[in-house]
Every structure is written in C-alpha cells, then in structure tokens.
Protein backbone atom coordinates (compact mmCIF):
# COMPACT_ATOMS: atom_id res chain seq x y z
CA MET A 1 0.00 0.00 0.00
CA ASP A 2 1.37 3.41 -1.01
CA ARG A 3 1.30 5.97 1.78
CA GLN A 4 2.22 9.64 1.97
CA PRO A 5 5.34 10.36 4.08
CA GLY A 6 4.64 11.58 7.61
CA LEU A 7 6.28 12.18 10.94
CA SER A 8 8.13 9.31 12.53
CA VAL A 9 6.78 7.67 15.65
CA ARG A 10 9.78 8.98 17.58
CA VAL A 11 8.97 12.58 16.63
CA LYS A 12 5.31 12.07 17.50
CA LEU A 13 6.20 10.63 20.89
CA THR A 14 8.66 13.47 21.52
CA LEU A 15 6.05 16.10 20.74
CA SER A 16 3.53 14.23 22.87
CA TYR A 17 5.92 14.08 25.85
CA ALA A 18 6.87 17.76 25.49
CA GLY A 19 3.27 18.88 25.03
CA PHE A 20 2.10 16.91 28.03
CA LEU A 21 4.95 18.29 30.14
CA MET A 22 4.19 21.88 29.10
CA LEU A 23 0.48 21.42 29.77
CA ALA A 24 1.24 20.03 33.21
CA GLY A 25 3.65 22.93 33.85
CA ALA A 26 1.11 25.53 32.70
CA LEU A 27 -1.56 24.10 34.95
CA LEU A 28 0.88 24.01 37.85
CA LEU A 29 1.96 27.65 37.34
CA ALA A 30 -1.64 28.76 36.96
CA ALA A 31 -2.54 27.07 40.22
CA ILE A 32 0.40 28.74 41.97
CA GLY A 33 -0.60 32.13 40.58
CA VAL A 34 -4.18 31.77 41.78
CA PHE A 35 -2.95 30.70 45.20
CA LEU A 36 -0.65 33.73 45.52
CA LEU A 37 -3.37 36.13 44.48
CA ARG A 38 -5.75 34.72 47.03
CA GLU A 39 -3.18 34.89 49.82
CA GLY A 40 -2.48 38.57 49.18
CA TRP A 41 1.15 38.15 48.16
CA LEU A 42 0.48 40.26 45.11
CA GLN A 43 -1.42 43.11 46.81
CA THR A 44 -1.36 46.72 45.74
CA ASN A 45 1.35 48.92 47.30
CA GLU A 46 -0.73 51.62 49.07
CA GLN A 47 2.32 53.79 49.85
CA GLY A 48 3.72 53.99 46.38
CA ALA A 49 3.73 57.16 44.28
CA TRP A 50 1.77 55.51 41.85
CA ARG A 51 -0.91 52.91 42.44
CA SER A 52 -0.65 49.53 40.81
CA THR A 53 -3.20 46.75 40.61
CA PRO A 54 -2.72 43.13 41.67
CA GLY A 55 -2.58 42.15 37.97
CA THR A 56 0.31 44.56 37.43
CA HIS A 57 2.33 42.98 40.23
CA PHE A 58 1.49 39.55 38.84
CA VAL A 59 2.74 40.47 35.38
CA ARG A 60 5.90 42.19 36.67
CA GLY A 61 6.78 39.67 39.35
CA PHE A 62 5.39 36.26 38.55
CA ALA A 63 4.78 36.21 34.77
CA PRO A 64 8.49 36.50 33.69
CA MET A 65 9.43 33.69 36.03
CA ALA A 66 6.54 31.58 34.72
CA ALA A 67 7.59 32.25 31.11
CA ALA A 68 11.16 31.19 31.89
CA VAL A 69 9.89 28.02 33.52
CA MET A 70 7.73 27.24 30.47
CA VAL A 71 10.69 27.72 28.11
CA PHE A 72 12.77 25.41 30.29
CA LEU A 73 10.00 22.84 30.32
CA LEU A 74 9.72 23.03 26.52
CA VAL A 75 13.44 22.46 25.96
CA PHE A 76 13.60 19.80 28.64
CA GLY A 77 10.48 18.09 27.30
CA LEU A 78 11.76 18.01 23.71
CA LEU A 79 15.23 16.78 24.62
CA GLY A 80 14.08 14.32 27.26
CA GLY A 81 11.18 13.13 25.12
CA TRP A 82 13.52 12.49 22.16
CA ILE A 83 15.89 10.43 24.30
CA LEU A 84 13.09 8.60 26.09
CA ALA A 85 11.24 7.83 22.84
CA GLY A 86 14.47 6.48 21.32
CA ARG A 87 15.01 4.13 24.24
CA MET A 88 11.40 2.99 24.19
CA LEU A 89 11.42 2.37 20.43
CA ALA A 90 14.84 0.65 20.31
CA PRO A 91 13.26 -2.85 20.52
CA LEU A 92 10.82 -1.94 17.76
CA THR A 93 13.76 -0.86 15.60
CA ARG A 94 15.39 -4.26 16.02
CA ILE A 95 12.13 -5.97 15.14
CA THR A 96 11.81 -3.80 12.02
CA GLU A 97 15.36 -4.68 10.93
CA ALA A 98 14.64 -8.38 11.40
CA THR A 99 11.45 -8.01 9.37
CA ARG A 100 13.37 -6.39 6.51
CA MET A 101 15.92 -9.19 6.57
CA ALA A 102 13.14 -11.79 6.48
CA THR A 103 11.51 -9.94 3.57
CA ASN A 104 14.81 -10.16 1.69
CA GLY A 105 14.86 -13.91 2.21
CA SER A 106 17.04 -14.25 5.33
CA LEU A 107 15.01 -16.42 7.69
CA SER A 108 17.93 -17.53 9.88
CA HIS A 109 18.20 -14.18 11.68
CA ARG A 110 16.71 -13.98 15.18
CA ILE A 111 15.97 -10.89 17.29
CA ARG A 112 16.70 -12.46 20.69
CA LEU A 113 15.71 -9.30 22.53
CA PRO A 114 17.27 -9.25 26.03
CA GLY A 115 15.59 -8.08 29.19
CA ARG A 116 12.53 -8.96 31.19
CA ARG A 117 9.22 -9.74 29.56
CA ASP A 118 7.09 -6.86 28.34
CA GLU A 119 4.96 -6.10 25.26
CA PHE A 120 7.97 -5.52 22.98
CA ARG A 121 9.79 -8.64 24.13
CA GLU A 122 6.66 -10.78 23.74
CA LEU A 123 6.36 -9.44 20.19
CA ALA A 124 10.03 -10.20 19.52
CA ASP A 125 9.74 -13.73 20.91
CA ALA A 126 6.61 -14.36 18.85
CA PHE A 127 8.40 -13.06 15.76
CA ASP A 128 11.41 -15.31 16.43
CA THR A 129 9.08 -18.29 16.78
CA MET A 130 7.38 -17.39 13.51
CA LEU A 131 10.76 -17.08 11.74
CA ALA A 132 11.84 -20.48 13.06
CA ARG A 133 8.66 -22.10 11.77
CA LEU A 134 8.92 -20.35 8.42
CA GLU A 135 12.54 -21.40 8.05
CA ALA A 136 11.66 -25.01 8.81
CA GLN A 137 8.70 -24.96 6.42
CA VAL A 138 10.70 -23.37 3.61
CA ALA A 139 13.50 -25.90 4.08
CA GLU A 140 10.97 -28.73 4.08
CA GLN A 141 9.30 -27.40 0.94
CA GLN A 142 12.65 -27.08 -0.80
CA ARG A 143 13.56 -30.65 0.08
CA PHE A 144 10.11 -31.80 -0.96
CA ALA A 145 10.33 -29.99 -4.33
CA ALA A 146 13.79 -31.40 -4.99
CA ASN A 147 12.72 -34.94 -4.05
CA ALA A 148 9.49 -34.69 -6.04
CA SER A 149 11.39 -33.47 -9.10
CA HIS A 150 13.82 -36.36 -8.75
CA GLU A 151 11.07 -38.92 -8.28
CA LEU A 152 9.09 -37.62 -11.25
CA ARG A 153 12.18 -37.41 -13.43
CA THR A 154 12.98 -41.09 -12.86
CA PRO A 155 9.90 -42.58 -14.60
CA LEU A 156 10.18 -40.02 -17.39
CA ALA A 157 13.82 -40.94 -17.97
CA ILE A 158 12.93 -44.65 -17.97
CA SER A 159 10.12 -44.05 -20.46
CA LYS A 160 12.47 -42.14 -22.74
CA THR A 161 15.02 -44.97 -22.59
CA LEU A 162 12.40 -47.59 -23.40
CA LEU A 163 11.15 -45.56 -26.35
CA GLU A 164 14.69 -45.11 -27.68
CA VAL A 165 15.29 -48.86 -27.39
CA ALA A 166 12.04 -49.61 -29.24
CA ARG A 167 12.97 -47.13 -31.98
CA THR A 168 16.57 -48.29 -32.50
CA ASP A 169 15.97 -52.04 -32.08
CA PRO A 170 13.25 -53.25 -34.46
CA ASN A 171 13.66 -56.81 -33.21
CA HIS A 172 12.78 -55.87 -29.65
CA ASP A 173 9.55 -57.36 -28.36
CA PRO A 174 6.97 -54.52 -28.42
CA GLY A 175 4.83 -56.29 -25.84
CA GLU A 176 7.64 -56.13 -23.29
CA VAL A 177 8.21 -52.44 -23.97
CA ILE A 178 4.50 -51.72 -23.58
CA ALA A 179 4.33 -53.65 -20.33
CA ARG A 180 7.31 -51.81 -18.87
CA LEU A 181 5.98 -48.45 -20.05
CA ASP A 182 2.65 -49.27 -18.42
CA ALA A 183 4.37 -50.06 -15.11
CA VAL A 184 6.43 -46.86 -15.24
CA ASN A 185 3.40 -44.80 -16.18
CA THR A 186 1.40 -46.33 -13.32
CA ARG A 187 4.13 -45.40 -10.88
CA ALA A 188 4.17 -41.80 -12.18
CA ILE A 189 0.37 -41.59 -11.80
CA ASP A 190 0.56 -42.95 -8.24
CA LEU A 191 3.19 -40.37 -7.35
CA THR A 192 1.15 -37.54 -8.86
CA GLU A 193 -1.99 -38.63 -7.01
CA ALA A 194 -0.03 -38.83 -3.76
CA LEU A 195 1.28 -35.30 -4.28
CA LEU A 196 -2.23 -34.02 -4.96
CA LEU A 197 -3.57 -35.77 -1.85
CA LEU A 198 -0.80 -34.23 0.24
CA SER A 199 -1.65 -30.80 -1.17
CA ARG A 200 -5.36 -31.19 -0.39
CA ALA A 201 -4.54 -32.24 3.17
CA ASP A 202 -2.36 -29.15 3.62
CA GLN A 203 -5.23 -26.89 2.57
CA ARG A 204 -7.54 -28.29 5.31
CA SER A 205 -10.41 -27.92 2.83
CA PHE A 206 -12.58 -30.77 4.05
CA THR A 207 -15.81 -31.19 5.96
CA ARG A 208 -15.56 -32.62 9.47
CA GLU A 209 -18.02 -35.39 10.28
CA PRO A 210 -18.28 -38.26 12.79
CA VAL A 211 -15.99 -41.15 11.82
CA ASP A 212 -15.47 -44.60 13.37
CA LEU A 213 -11.84 -45.65 13.05
CA SER A 214 -12.70 -49.31 13.64
CA LEU A 215 -14.87 -49.36 10.49
CA LEU A 216 -12.11 -47.67 8.48
CA ALA A 217 -9.62 -50.27 9.71
CA GLU A 218 -11.94 -53.09 8.59
CA GLU A 219 -12.45 -51.47 5.18
CA ALA A 220 -8.72 -50.93 4.64
CA THR A 221 -7.80 -54.50 5.60
CA GLU A 222 -10.49 -55.97 3.35
CA THR A 223 -9.28 -53.86 0.43
CA LEU A 224 -5.63 -54.85 0.95
CA LEU A 225 -6.29 -58.51 1.79
CA PRO A 226 -5.36 -59.74 -1.75
CA LEU A 227 -2.05 -57.85 -1.50
CA ALA A 228 -1.38 -59.41 1.89
CA GLU A 229 -2.10 -62.89 0.53
CA ARG A 230 0.33 -62.38 -2.35
CA HIS A 231 3.03 -61.34 0.14
CA GLY A 232 2.19 -64.18 2.51
CA VAL A 233 1.29 -61.72 5.29
CA THR A 234 -1.43 -62.36 7.87
CA ILE A 235 -3.58 -59.42 9.04
CA GLU A 236 -5.18 -59.44 12.48
CA THR A 237 -7.68 -56.74 13.46
CA SER A 238 -9.17 -56.00 16.86
CA GLY A 239 -10.69 -53.16 18.83
CA ASP A 240 -13.92 -51.52 19.83
CA ILE A 241 -15.86 -48.67 18.28
CA THR A 242 -13.45 -45.73 18.06
CA PRO A 243 -15.24 -42.47 17.24
CA THR A 244 -13.49 -39.31 16.09
CA VAL A 245 -14.32 -36.30 13.95
CA GLY A 246 -12.80 -35.49 10.57
CA SER A 247 -12.78 -36.32 6.89
CA GLN A 248 -13.76 -39.92 6.28
CA ALA A 249 -11.93 -39.98 2.93
CA LEU A 250 -8.67 -38.63 4.37
CA LEU A 251 -8.78 -40.86 7.44
CA LEU A 252 -9.48 -43.88 5.23
CA GLN A 253 -6.43 -42.92 3.17
CA LEU A 254 -4.41 -42.65 6.39
CA THR A 255 -5.51 -46.12 7.50
CA THR A 256 -4.93 -47.61 4.07
CA ASN A 257 -1.42 -46.18 3.84
CA LEU A 258 -0.50 -47.59 7.25
CA VAL A 259 -1.79 -51.07 6.46
CA HIS A 260 -0.22 -50.99 2.99
CA ASN A 261 3.19 -50.07 4.37
CA ALA A 262 2.89 -52.74 7.06
CA ILE A 263 2.22 -55.39 4.37
CA VAL A 264 4.88 -54.33 1.88
CA HIS A 265 7.67 -53.74 4.42
CA ASN A 266 7.35 -57.08 6.15
CA LEU A 267 8.87 -60.54 6.29
CA PRO A 268 8.12 -62.26 2.97
CA GLY A 269 5.96 -65.35 3.30
CA LYS A 270 5.68 -65.31 7.11
CA GLY A 271 4.84 -61.80 8.19
CA THR A 272 2.04 -60.50 10.38
CA VAL A 273 0.21 -57.20 10.67
CA TRP A 274 -1.80 -56.20 13.74
CA VAL A 275 -4.39 -53.44 13.37
CA THR A 276 -6.08 -52.29 16.59
CA THR A 277 -8.32 -49.39 17.55
CA GLY A 278 -9.26 -48.06 20.95
CA VAL A 279 -10.41 -45.06 22.94
CA ARG A 280 -8.42 -43.33 25.66
CA PRO A 281 -9.47 -40.27 27.65
CA ARG A 282 -10.25 -37.65 24.99
CA THR A 283 -8.23 -39.60 22.39
CA ALA A 284 -9.05 -42.08 19.63
CA VAL A 285 -6.10 -44.34 18.82
CA LEU A 286 -5.35 -46.37 15.70
CA THR A 287 -2.34 -48.68 16.01
CA VAL A 288 -0.69 -50.68 13.22
CA GLU A 289 2.17 -53.07 14.01
CA ASN A 290 4.06 -55.38 11.71
CA THR A 291 6.91 -57.82 11.71
CA GLY A 292 9.91 -57.01 9.57
CA GLU A 293 13.55 -56.05 9.61
CA LYS A 294 15.05 -54.42 12.68
CA LEU A 295 15.30 -50.64 12.29
CA THR A 296 17.33 -48.18 14.30
CA PRO A 297 15.64 -45.25 16.09
CA GLN A 298 17.70 -42.86 13.95
CA LEU A 299 16.29 -44.34 10.75
CA VAL A 300 12.76 -44.48 12.14
CA SER A 301 12.87 -40.75 12.93
CA THR A 302 13.27 -39.99 9.20
CA LEU A 303 10.45 -42.18 7.90
CA THR A 304 7.85 -39.39 7.89
CA GLU A 305 10.05 -37.27 5.62
CA PRO A 306 8.82 -37.31 2.02
CA PHE A 307 10.40 -39.98 -0.19
CA GLN A 308 12.11 -41.71 2.74
CA ARG A 309 11.93 -45.50 2.99
CA GLY A 310 12.92 -47.81 5.79
CA THR A 311 14.71 -50.24 3.50
CA GLU A 312 16.13 -50.17 0.03
CA ARG A 313 13.63 -49.48 -2.72
CA VAL A 314 11.77 -52.54 -3.88
CA HIS A 315 11.06 -52.66 -7.59
CA THR A 316 7.55 -54.04 -7.48
CA ASP A 317 4.13 -52.75 -8.34
CA HIS A 318 3.47 -52.02 -4.69
CA ALA A 319 6.81 -50.54 -3.69
CA GLY A 320 5.16 -47.20 -3.04
CA VAL A 321 6.34 -43.72 -3.90
CA GLY A 322 7.88 -42.76 -0.57
CA LEU A 323 5.00 -40.54 0.50
CA GLY A 324 2.93 -43.02 2.52
CA LEU A 325 3.98 -42.00 6.02
CA ALA A 326 4.42 -38.36 5.02
CA ILE A 327 0.77 -38.32 3.99
CA VAL A 328 -0.24 -40.14 7.18
CA LYS A 329 1.57 -37.60 9.33
CA ARG A 330 0.05 -34.64 7.50
CA ILE A 331 -3.48 -36.07 7.64
CA ALA A 332 -3.08 -36.64 11.38
CA GLU A 333 -1.82 -33.07 11.87
CA VAL A 334 -4.68 -31.44 9.97
CA HIS A 335 -7.04 -33.42 12.19
CA ASP A 336 -5.29 -32.00 15.28
CA GLY A 337 -3.74 -35.39 15.98
CA SER A 338 -0.26 -36.86 16.18
CA LEU A 339 1.76 -39.76 14.81
CA THR A 340 4.14 -41.90 16.88
CA ILE A 341 6.53 -44.39 15.27
CA THR A 342 8.63 -46.77 17.35
CA PRO A 343 10.74 -49.75 16.25
CA ARG A 344 9.75 -53.14 17.65
CA PRO A 345 12.57 -55.03 19.42
CA GLU A 346 11.73 -58.15 17.38
CA GLY A 347 11.77 -56.19 14.12
CA GLY A 348 9.23 -54.09 12.29
CA LEU A 349 7.39 -51.01 13.47
CA ARG A 350 4.63 -49.92 15.79
CA ILE A 351 2.79 -46.88 14.46
CA ALA A 352 0.13 -45.17 16.57
CA VAL A 353 -2.16 -42.36 15.41
CA GLN A 354 -3.80 -40.30 18.14
CA LEU A 355 -6.83 -38.25 17.14
CA PRO A 356 -9.18 -36.14 19.27
CA ALA A 357 -12.21 -38.08 20.45
CA PRO A 358 -15.60 -36.33 20.40
CA PRO A 359 -17.13 -35.30 23.74
CA PRO A 360 -19.10 -38.07 25.49
CA HIS A 361 -22.44 -36.28 25.06
CA THR A 362 -21.82 -36.08 21.31
CA ALA A 363 -21.27 -39.82 21.08
CA ASP A 364 -24.36 -40.47 23.17
CA ASN A 365 -26.48 -38.30 20.90
CA GLU A 366 -25.18 -40.14 17.84
CA ASP A 367 -26.11 -43.50 19.38
CA ILE A 368 -29.64 -42.24 19.99
C-alpha cells in the first residue's frame, strides 16, 4: 500500500511528551498564581507614588518567572522526550530490521531481545518463533520440491530410454516395452496422485463429520487382503468402536497407507500385521504393528520425511512412492492429531495415530 510520508513515531512521541509536560507545567503555574493572588502576596502597594493593581504585580513579578519556567519545560520536554522515545522504540527498531531481513529472504536471523518480559519482548519472541517455523517450512518445501522433481524425473527418464530402445531395435519385443511403459506410467500416476492428496490435506479444505476408526480399519484391511495374501502376510484386526471427527476420505487414506506399508515392508511369506483401535481419555487411537527387519531409532525418525523408505527401494508394483507415512503424518496433523513411530525389538514397526475423540455427550447423541 502506497502511503504519503509523515512524521516518525519517535517525533510524535517526543512532541507528545513535550506537550504533556508543558500542559502540566502551565496548569501548575496557573494554580500557583491563583494561590498567591488569594493569599495577598500580590497586593497593591498603598504607599507607592503611583498605584498599581494586583494584575500589574502579577505580570511584573510572577509572569516572567513563569515564562522562563515554560521555556525550560519546553526544551527539557523536547530533549528528554527524544531520548526517552528512542530508548522505548529501540526494541521496535530491532524488530523492524529483522522483518526487513526476512523480507529479503534471510530467515535464519533472530531478534533475541534481552531483558525482562514486556509487550515488545513478547512481540520479539513471537516473531522469532514465527521465523523459526517459516525457516523449517521453507526448508521442508525445498527438500520436498527437490525430491518430487527427482522422483518424477525417474519414470520419465525410464520411459524415454524404453522408447529409444524400441525405436533403434526393431527386433525388440513390443509387448515387453508396452508392459514396462505401463508399469512406469502407473508409478508416475501414483506419485502424482499422492502429491495431490498431500496438497489437499495441507489446505484443510474438508468437511468434518463423525468417523469410526474401527470401520475404516476393517475397510482398509479388506481392500488390501489380496495384496497381503500375495506377500504371505497375515492381518489381524481388533478393537472396539473408536469415534473421532474429521474427513472420512482422508482418514481412510491414512488407514490404508498404514496397512499398505505394514504389508509391503514385512517378512516375505511369514509376516504379520496387527491393526487395533481403541479409545483413551479424549483420544481415539489407531495402532498398526508389523513384523519385519530391525530398524534403528535414527532411521525411524526420518520415515515421515517425504520420499524416505525404511529399506532399500523394492522394484515391485506395490513398492510405493515414498509418501505413505508423510501423507499419514500430514493427515493426522490437519485433524489436530499426532503420529508416533517406534521400532519393535523383534523387528518391524509400531505406528500409533492419536486423534481427538468427540465429547461423550456427542457420542451419546449419535447413538440415539
């Protein structure tokens, strides 16, 4: 917004301090003058050659002194107000400089305003917190963009290679090329859909409605049962009705991603997946555990980063695109929930999603 130039806040504060000081001084001098007149200090001199009035004595005796005091108050008010305003606005100046640096792209700078807590220091601390979050989000977005570009470039490069082989080698089986192109294209579509789902979750543009996590767990396991059978993985589900509030589509995607990851990253031919739901005080919990390779806590802490995988990439139709747990974490966050991932001592993972449970009276009304 374009604005006309005006006086600085420091000048305005200085004038305000000086004006207030002069007004207080004028009122004080006026009160003193009235008091002296009433007490007879400025009475007429009856013995003088000439006769003067009380007002004349006031002007000759008290008014010059009052004028000198007012001039002193003006100078003192301007000088003191300028210094005082500068000291008061010093924290705001540091905040302004930090804002300019952030506008120019430097998000690593922090104000770190010293001193005890007051309005300026609370503002500085809030601004530092905002800068830290912005820096983390920008870094995450940059990593995400770089990883997404790399992941999308891979199927495109493979498709180009296959097409070049088909063009230069007329004896190459076209059916094999078509099959491989179809697999690569399917992977690119899956990655694009995952990116779109992650974007929709970030926008929080969904309608909140009552959802039962136990029903979503049953639906996800039934859908992925053929995949589990092909991998030789057994799925066990248990739990009571687990109500929460949110988007049924997003929470179903969350549950499906967890069960899918538990099946794919498992012991081939003899693995097990446990899916349980339950209600704790004010919390609805969905837990998915699986057997598998032993993972270190350091590796587990990176699994929710986009395009991170617990083991080496598996070149199968269901290897995933590296966004499964990243999507799960984001869906849980936009539902005001949390995601906890811990490695099992025997191997595999235990993943728990905690979501807010509706108030008891809400659940009772729904049952009625």
